[in-house]
PDB file of all heavy atoms in Angstrom:
ATOM      1  N   ILE A   1      18.742  59.862 -24.571  1.00  0.00           N
ATOM      2  CA  ILE A   1      17.535  59.069 -24.775  1.00  0.00           C
ATOM      3  C   ILE A   1      16.321  59.989 -24.855  1.00  0.00           C
ATOM      4  O   ILE A   1      16.176  60.901 -24.021  1.00  0.00           O
ATOM      5  CB  ILE A   1      17.338  58.059 -23.630  1.00  0.00           C
ATOM      6  CG1 ILE A   1      18.597  57.207 -23.446  1.00  0.00           C
ATOM      7  CG2 ILE A   1      16.135  57.161 -23.921  1.00  0.00           C
ATOM      8  CD1 ILE A   1      18.566  56.298 -22.239  1.00  0.00           C
ATOM      9  N   ILE A   2      15.481  59.735 -25.830  1.00  0.00           N
ATOM     10  CA  ILE A   2      14.223  60.487 -25.948  1.00  0.00           C
ATOM     11  C   ILE A   2      13.071  59.496 -26.056  1.00  0.00           C
ATOM     12  O   ILE A   2      13.238  58.369 -26.519  1.00  0.00           O
ATOM     13  CB  ILE A   2      14.238  61.433 -27.172  1.00  0.00           C
ATOM     14  CG1 ILE A   2      14.514  60.661 -28.468  1.00  0.00           C
ATOM     15  CG2 ILE A   2      15.253  62.542 -26.982  1.00  0.00           C
ATOM     16  CD1 ILE A   2      14.375  61.514 -29.722  1.00  0.00           C
ATOM     17  N   TYR A   3      11.901  59.946 -25.601  1.00  0.00           N
ATOM     18  CA  TYR A   3      10.716  59.107 -25.575  1.00  0.00           C
ATOM     19  C   TYR A   3       9.532  59.830 -26.181  1.00  0.00           C
ATOM     20  O   TYR A   3       9.452  61.058 -26.163  1.00  0.00           O
ATOM     21  CB  TYR A   3      10.355  58.720 -24.139  1.00  0.00           C
ATOM     22  CG  TYR A   3      11.388  57.902 -23.418  1.00  0.00           C
ATOM     23  CD1 TYR A   3      12.330  58.509 -22.586  1.00  0.00           C
ATOM     24  CD2 TYR A   3      11.425  56.523 -23.558  1.00  0.00           C
ATOM     25  CE1 TYR A   3      13.282  57.755 -21.927  1.00  0.00           C
ATOM     26  CE2 TYR A   3      12.375  55.762 -22.894  1.00  0.00           C
ATOM     27  CZ  TYR A   3      13.307  56.393 -22.081  1.00  0.00           C
ATOM     28  OH  TYR A   3      14.247  55.640 -21.413  1.00  0.00           O
ATOM     29  N   ALA A   4       8.578  59.042 -26.658  1.00  0.00           N
ATOM     30  CA  ALA A   4       7.283  59.610 -26.995  1.00  0.00           C
ATOM     31  C   ALA A   4       6.674  60.121 -25.693  1.00  0.00           C
ATOM     32  O   ALA A   4       6.742  59.443 -24.654  1.00  0.00           O
ATOM     33  CB  ALA A   4       6.393  58.542 -27.619  1.00  0.00           C
ATOM     34  N   ASP A   5       6.088  61.294 -25.735  1.00  0.00           N
ATOM     35  CA  ASP A   5       5.589  61.920 -24.504  1.00  0.00           C
ATOM     36  C   ASP A   5       4.628  61.022 -23.737  1.00  0.00           C
ATOM     37  O   ASP A   5       4.664  60.956 -22.505  1.00  0.00           O
ATOM     38  CB  ASP A   5       4.891  63.240 -24.852  1.00  0.00           C
ATOM     39  CG  ASP A   5       5.867  64.295 -25.348  1.00  0.00           C
ATOM     40  OD1 ASP A   5       7.086  64.133 -25.121  1.00  0.00           O
ATOM     41  OD2 ASP A   5       5.419  65.268 -25.990  1.00  0.00           O
ATOM     42  N   ALA A   6       3.783  60.307 -24.455  1.00  0.00           N
ATOM     43  CA  ALA A   6       2.750  59.506 -23.796  1.00  0.00           C
ATOM     44  C   ALA A   6       3.316  58.271 -23.118  1.00  0.00           C
ATOM     45  O   ALA A   6       2.641  57.637 -22.299  1.00  0.00           O
ATOM     46  CB  ALA A   6       1.689  59.093 -24.803  1.00  0.00           C
ATOM     47  N   LEU A   7       4.566  57.916 -23.408  1.00  0.00           N
ATOM     48  CA  LEU A   7       5.124  56.668 -22.892  1.00  0.00           C
ATOM     49  C   LEU A   7       6.179  56.897 -21.815  1.00  0.00           C
ATOM     50  O   LEU A   7       6.672  55.940 -21.209  1.00  0.00           O
ATOM     51  CB  LEU A   7       5.749  55.868 -24.034  1.00  0.00           C
ATOM     52  CG  LEU A   7       4.785  55.459 -25.148  1.00  0.00           C
ATOM     53  CD1 LEU A   7       5.532  54.755 -26.255  1.00  0.00           C
ATOM     54  CD2 LEU A   7       3.675  54.589 -24.601  1.00  0.00           C
ATOM     55  N   THR A   8       6.522  58.140 -21.580  1.00  0.00           N
ATOM     56  CA  THR A   8       7.534  58.432 -20.564  1.00  0.00           C
ATOM     57  C   THR A   8       7.076  57.913 -19.211  1.00  0.00           C
ATOM     58  O   THR A   8       5.956  58.164 -18.782  1.00  0.00           O
ATOM     59  CB  THR A   8       7.779  59.939 -20.489  1.00  0.00           C
ATOM     60  OG1 THR A   8       8.229  60.402 -21.765  1.00  0.00           O
ATOM     61  CG2 THR A   8       8.827  60.266 -19.453  1.00  0.00           C
ATOM     62  N   GLY A   9       7.970  57.173 -18.570  1.00  0.00           N
ATOM     63  CA  GLY A   9       7.669  56.639 -17.248  1.00  0.00           C
ATOM     64  C   GLY A   9       7.377  55.158 -17.263  1.00  0.00           C
ATOM     65  O   GLY A   9       7.667  54.462 -16.294  1.00  0.00           O
ATOM     66  N   ARG A  10       6.814  54.640 -18.349  1.00  0.00           N
ATOM     67  CA  ARG A  10       6.527  53.202 -18.407  1.00  0.00           C
ATOM     68  C   ARG A  10       7.564  52.457 -19.244  1.00  0.00           C
ATOM     69  O   ARG A  10       7.792  51.275 -19.044  1.00  0.00           O
ATOM     70  CB  ARG A  10       5.144  52.954 -19.014  1.00  0.00           C
ATOM     71  CG  ARG A  10       4.003  53.445 -18.164  1.00  0.00           C
ATOM     72  CD  ARG A  10       2.664  52.846 -18.619  1.00  0.00           C
ATOM     73  NE  ARG A  10       2.342  53.204 -19.991  1.00  0.00           N
ATOM     74  CZ  ARG A  10       2.192  52.303 -20.971  1.00  0.00           C
ATOM     75  NH1 ARG A  10       2.356  51.013 -20.743  1.00  0.00           N
ATOM     76  NH2 ARG A  10       1.867  52.716 -22.189  1.00  0.00           N
ATOM     77  N   PHE A  11       8.158  53.153 -20.188  1.00  0.00           N
ATOM     78  CA  PHE A  11       9.126  52.520 -21.092  1.00  0.00           C
ATOM     79  C   PHE A  11      10.513  53.098 -20.838  1.00  0.00           C
ATOM     80  O   PHE A  11      10.656  54.309 -20.630  1.00  0.00           O
ATOM     81  CB  PHE A  11       8.741  52.773 -22.553  1.00  0.00           C
ATOM     82  CG  PHE A  11       7.544  51.995 -23.037  1.00  0.00           C
ATOM     83  CD1 PHE A  11       6.650  51.415 -22.153  1.00  0.00           C
ATOM     84  CD2 PHE A  11       7.305  51.869 -24.390  1.00  0.00           C
ATOM     85  CE1 PHE A  11       5.545  50.698 -22.608  1.00  0.00           C
ATOM     86  CE2 PHE A  11       6.211  51.166 -24.872  1.00  0.00           C
ATOM     87  CZ  PHE A  11       5.331  50.586 -23.984  1.00  0.00           C
ATOM     88  N   THR A  12      11.517  52.240 -20.885  1.00  0.00           N
ATOM     89  CA  THR A  12      12.905  52.667 -20.710  1.00  0.00           C
ATOM     90  C   THR A  12      13.757  52.073 -21.817  1.00  0.00           C
ATOM     91  O   THR A  12      13.822  50.851 -21.965  1.00  0.00           O
ATOM     92  CB  THR A  12      13.448  52.223 -19.340  1.00  0.00           C
ATOM     93  OG1 THR A  12      12.612  52.737 -18.297  1.00  0.00           O
ATOM     94  CG2 THR A  12      14.871  52.721 -19.145  1.00  0.00           C
ATOM     95  N   ALA A  13      14.398  52.947 -22.572  1.00  0.00           N
ATOM     96  CA  ALA A  13      15.288  52.494 -23.648  1.00  0.00           C
ATOM     97  C   ALA A  13      16.731  52.552 -23.183  1.00  0.00           C
ATOM     98  O   ALA A  13      17.106  53.403 -22.370  1.00  0.00           O
ATOM     99  CB  ALA A  13      15.103  53.360 -24.889  1.00  0.00           C
ATOM    100  N   SER A  14      17.538  51.639 -23.691  1.00  0.00           N
ATOM    101  CA  SER A  14      18.965  51.652 -23.388  1.00  0.00           C
ATOM    102  C   SER A  14      19.714  51.061 -24.579  1.00  0.00           C
ATOM    103  O   SER A  14      19.110  50.447 -25.462  1.00  0.00           O
ATOM    104  CB  SER A  14      19.267  50.876 -22.103  1.00  0.00           C
ATOM    105  OG  SER A  14      18.856  49.532 -22.224  1.00  0.00           O
ATOM    106  N   ARG A  15      21.020  51.250 -24.529  1.00  0.00           N
ATOM    107  CA  ARG A  15      21.816  50.843 -25.671  1.00  0.00           C
ATOM    108  C   ARG A  15      23.175  50.358 -25.196  1.00  0.00           C
ATOM    109  O   ARG A  15      23.758  50.909 -24.255  1.00  0.00           O
ATOM    110  CB  ARG A  15      21.987  52.043 -26.605  1.00  0.00           C
ATOM    111  CG  ARG A  15      22.795  51.795 -27.839  1.00  0.00           C
ATOM    112  CD  ARG A  15      22.693  52.995 -28.747  1.00  0.00           C
ATOM    113  NE  ARG A  15      23.500  52.816 -29.936  1.00  0.00           N
ATOM    114  CZ  ARG A  15      23.527  53.655 -30.964  1.00  0.00           C
ATOM    115  NH1 ARG A  15      22.765  54.732 -30.941  1.00  0.00           N
ATOM    116  NH2 ARG A  15      24.297  53.424 -31.993  1.00  0.00           N
ATOM    117  N   ASP A  16      23.664  49.320 -25.860  1.00  0.00           N
ATOM    118  CA  ASP A  16      24.981  48.770 -25.557  1.00  0.00           C
ATOM    119  C   ASP A  16      25.780  48.800 -26.853  1.00  0.00           C
ATOM    120  O   ASP A  16      25.514  48.025 -27.773  1.00  0.00           O
ATOM    121  CB  ASP A  16      24.846  47.345 -25.033  1.00  0.00           C
ATOM    122  CG  ASP A  16      26.191  46.744 -24.646  1.00  0.00           C
ATOM    123  OD1 ASP A  16      27.234  47.377 -24.916  1.00  0.00           O
ATOM    124  OD2 ASP A  16      26.189  45.638 -24.071  1.00  0.00           O
ATOM    125  N   ALA A  17      26.749  49.730 -26.925  1.00  0.00           N
ATOM    126  CA  ALA A  17      27.547  49.864 -28.143  1.00  0.00           C
ATOM    127  C   ALA A  17      29.007  49.490 -27.907  1.00  0.00           C
ATOM    128  O   ALA A  17      29.885  49.910 -28.641  1.00  0.00           O
ATOM    129  CB  ALA A  17      27.441  51.291 -28.671  1.00  0.00           C
ATOM    130  N   ARG A  18      29.261  48.711 -26.867  1.00  0.00           N
ATOM    131  CA  ARG A  18      30.653  48.367 -26.554  1.00  0.00           C
ATOM    132  C   ARG A  18      31.261  47.433 -27.584  1.00  0.00           C
ATOM    133  O   ARG A  18      32.459  47.419 -27.815  1.00  0.00           O
ATOM    134  CB  ARG A  18      30.728  47.731 -25.162  1.00  0.00           C
ATOM    135  CG  ARG A  18      30.435  48.728 -24.038  1.00  0.00           C
ATOM    136  CD  ARG A  18      30.323  48.013 -22.720  1.00  0.00           C
ATOM    137  NE  ARG A  18      29.175  47.121 -22.671  1.00  0.00           N
ATOM    138  CZ  ARG A  18      28.909  46.335 -21.627  1.00  0.00           C
ATOM    139  NH1 ARG A  18      29.707  46.315 -20.579  1.00  0.00           N
ATOM    140  NH2 ARG A  18      27.837  45.555 -21.645  1.00  0.00           N
ATOM    141  N   ASP A  19      30.403  46.626 -28.225  1.00  0.00           N
ATOM    142  CA  ASP A  19      30.867  45.696 -29.241  1.00  0.00           C
ATOM    143  C   ASP A  19      30.707  46.368 -30.599  1.00  0.00           C
ATOM    144  O   ASP A  19      29.591  46.570 -31.063  1.00  0.00           O
ATOM    145  CB  ASP A  19      30.043  44.404 -29.181  1.00  0.00           C
ATOM    146  CG  ASP A  19      30.530  43.361 -30.171  1.00  0.00           C
ATOM    147  OD1 ASP A  19      31.301  43.712 -31.091  1.00  0.00           O
ATOM    148  OD2 ASP A  19      30.124  42.197 -30.036  1.00  0.00           O
ATOM    149  N   ASN A  20      31.811  46.718 -31.239  1.00  0.00           N
ATOM    150  CA  ASN A  20      31.727  47.407 -32.521  1.00  0.00           C
ATOM    151  C   ASN A  20      31.041  46.574 -33.597  1.00  0.00           C
ATOM    152  O   ASN A  20      30.476  47.113 -34.548  1.00  0.00           O
ATOM    153  CB  ASN A  20      33.131  47.810 -32.999  1.00  0.00           C
ATOM    154  CG  ASN A  20      33.696  48.953 -32.190  1.00  0.00           C
ATOM    155  OD1 ASN A  20      32.957  49.758 -31.648  1.00  0.00           O
ATOM    156  ND2 ASN A  20      35.008  49.024 -32.099  1.00  0.00           N
ATOM    157  N   ALA A  21      31.128  45.272 -33.461  1.00  0.00           N
ATOM    158  CA  ALA A  21      30.548  44.419 -34.480  1.00  0.00           C
ATOM    159  C   ALA A  21      29.031  44.289 -34.332  1.00  0.00           C
ATOM    160  O   ALA A  21      28.349  43.951 -35.296  1.00  0.00           O
ATOM    161  CB  ALA A  21      31.192  43.042 -34.435  1.00  0.00           C
ATOM    162  N   GLN A  22      28.535  44.563 -33.137  1.00  0.00           N
ATOM    163  CA  GLN A  22      27.103  44.403 -32.932  1.00  0.00           C
ATOM    164  C   GLN A  22      26.613  45.378 -31.877  1.00  0.00           C
ATOM    165  O   GLN A  22      26.951  45.254 -30.715  1.00  0.00           O
ATOM    166  CB  GLN A  22      26.774  42.971 -32.518  1.00  0.00           C
ATOM    167  CG  GLN A  22      25.277  42.690 -32.505  1.00  0.00           C
ATOM    168  CD  GLN A  22      24.976  41.219 -32.274  1.00  0.00           C
ATOM    169  OE1 GLN A  22      24.978  40.754 -31.159  1.00  0.00           O
ATOM    170  NE2 GLN A  22      24.715  40.494 -33.348  1.00  0.00           N
ATOM    171  N   ASN A  23      25.825  46.335 -32.331  1.00  0.00           N
ATOM    172  CA  ASN A  23      25.158  47.246 -31.406  1.00  0.00           C
ATOM    173  C   ASN A  23      23.889  46.587 -30.896  1.00  0.00           C
ATOM    174  O   ASN A  23      23.206  45.887 -31.644  1.00  0.00           O
ATOM    175  CB  ASN A  23      24.771  48.535 -32.156  1.00  0.00           C
ATOM    176  CG  ASN A  23      25.788  49.611 -31.942  1.00  0.00           C
ATOM    177  OD1 ASN A  23      25.505  50.626 -31.312  1.00  0.00           O
ATOM    178  ND2 ASN A  23      26.978  49.397 -32.453  1.00  0.00           N
ATOM    179  N   LYS A  24      23.565  46.845 -29.654  1.00  0.00           N
ATOM    180  CA  LYS A  24      22.329  46.314 -29.098  1.00  0.00           C
ATOM    181  C   LYS A  24      21.482  47.441 -28.517  1.00  0.00           C
ATOM    182  O   LYS A  24      21.997  48.338 -27.859  1.00  0.00           O
ATOM    183  CB  LYS A  24      22.632  45.267 -28.039  1.00  0.00           C
ATOM    184  CG  LYS A  24      23.293  44.013 -28.610  1.00  0.00           C
ATOM    185  CD  LYS A  24      23.480  42.936 -27.567  1.00  0.00           C
ATOM    186  CE  LYS A  24      24.099  41.692 -28.206  1.00  0.00           C
ATOM    187  NZ  LYS A  24      24.324  40.618 -27.205  1.00  0.00           N
ATOM    188  N   LEU A  25      20.222  47.354 -28.790  1.00  0.00           N
ATOM    189  CA  LEU A  25      19.250  48.331 -28.307  1.00  0.00           C
ATOM    190  C   LEU A  25      18.188  47.582 -27.518  1.00  0.00           C
ATOM    191  O   LEU A  25      17.777  46.487 -27.924  1.00  0.00           O
ATOM    192  CB  LEU A  25      18.617  49.080 -29.483  1.00  0.00           C
ATOM    193  CG  LEU A  25      17.647  50.196 -29.160  1.00  0.00           C
ATOM    194  CD1 LEU A  25      18.384  51.388 -28.560  1.00  0.00           C
ATOM    195  CD2 LEU A  25      16.889  50.625 -30.417  1.00  0.00           C
ATOM    196  N   TYR A  26      17.762  48.164 -26.399  1.00  0.00           N
ATOM    197  CA  TYR A  26      16.783  47.493 -25.548  1.00  0.00           C
ATOM    198  C   TYR A  26      15.606  48.427 -25.275  1.00  0.00           C
ATOM    199  O   TYR A  26      15.730  49.643 -25.282  1.00  0.00           O
ATOM    200  CB  TYR A  26      17.423  47.094 -24.220  1.00  0.00           C
ATOM    201  CG  TYR A  26      18.636  46.206 -24.361  1.00  0.00           C
ATOM    202  CD1 TYR A  26      19.920  46.739 -24.299  1.00  0.00           C
ATOM    203  CD2 TYR A  26      18.491  44.837 -24.576  1.00  0.00           C
ATOM    204  CE1 TYR A  26      21.035  45.928 -24.436  1.00  0.00           C
ATOM    205  CE2 TYR A  26      19.602  44.019 -24.715  1.00  0.00           C
ATOM    206  CZ  TYR A  26      20.869  44.568 -24.648  1.00  0.00           C
ATOM    207  OH  TYR A  26      21.974  43.760 -24.785  1.00  0.00           O
ATOM    208  N   LEU A  27      14.482  47.802 -24.990  1.00  0.00           N
ATOM    209  CA  LEU A  27      13.304  48.556 -24.570  1.00  0.00           C
ATOM    210  C   LEU A  27      12.634  47.784 -23.434  1.00  0.00           C
ATOM    211  O   LEU A  27      12.072  46.713 -23.662  1.00  0.00           O
ATOM    212  CB  LEU A  27      12.323  48.751 -25.723  1.00  0.00           C
ATOM    213  CG  LEU A  27      11.125  49.644 -25.398  1.00  0.00           C
ATOM    214  CD1 LEU A  27      11.576  51.097 -25.182  1.00  0.00           C
ATOM    215  CD2 LEU A  27      10.070  49.588 -26.508  1.00  0.00           C
TER     216      LEU A  27
END
């Protein structure tokens, strides 16, 4: 995971790729 420098600490990204038919990305 990488972040814009100014947003590190307030924003958290994550990803769920367990379902091959549908990837999910969160913020």
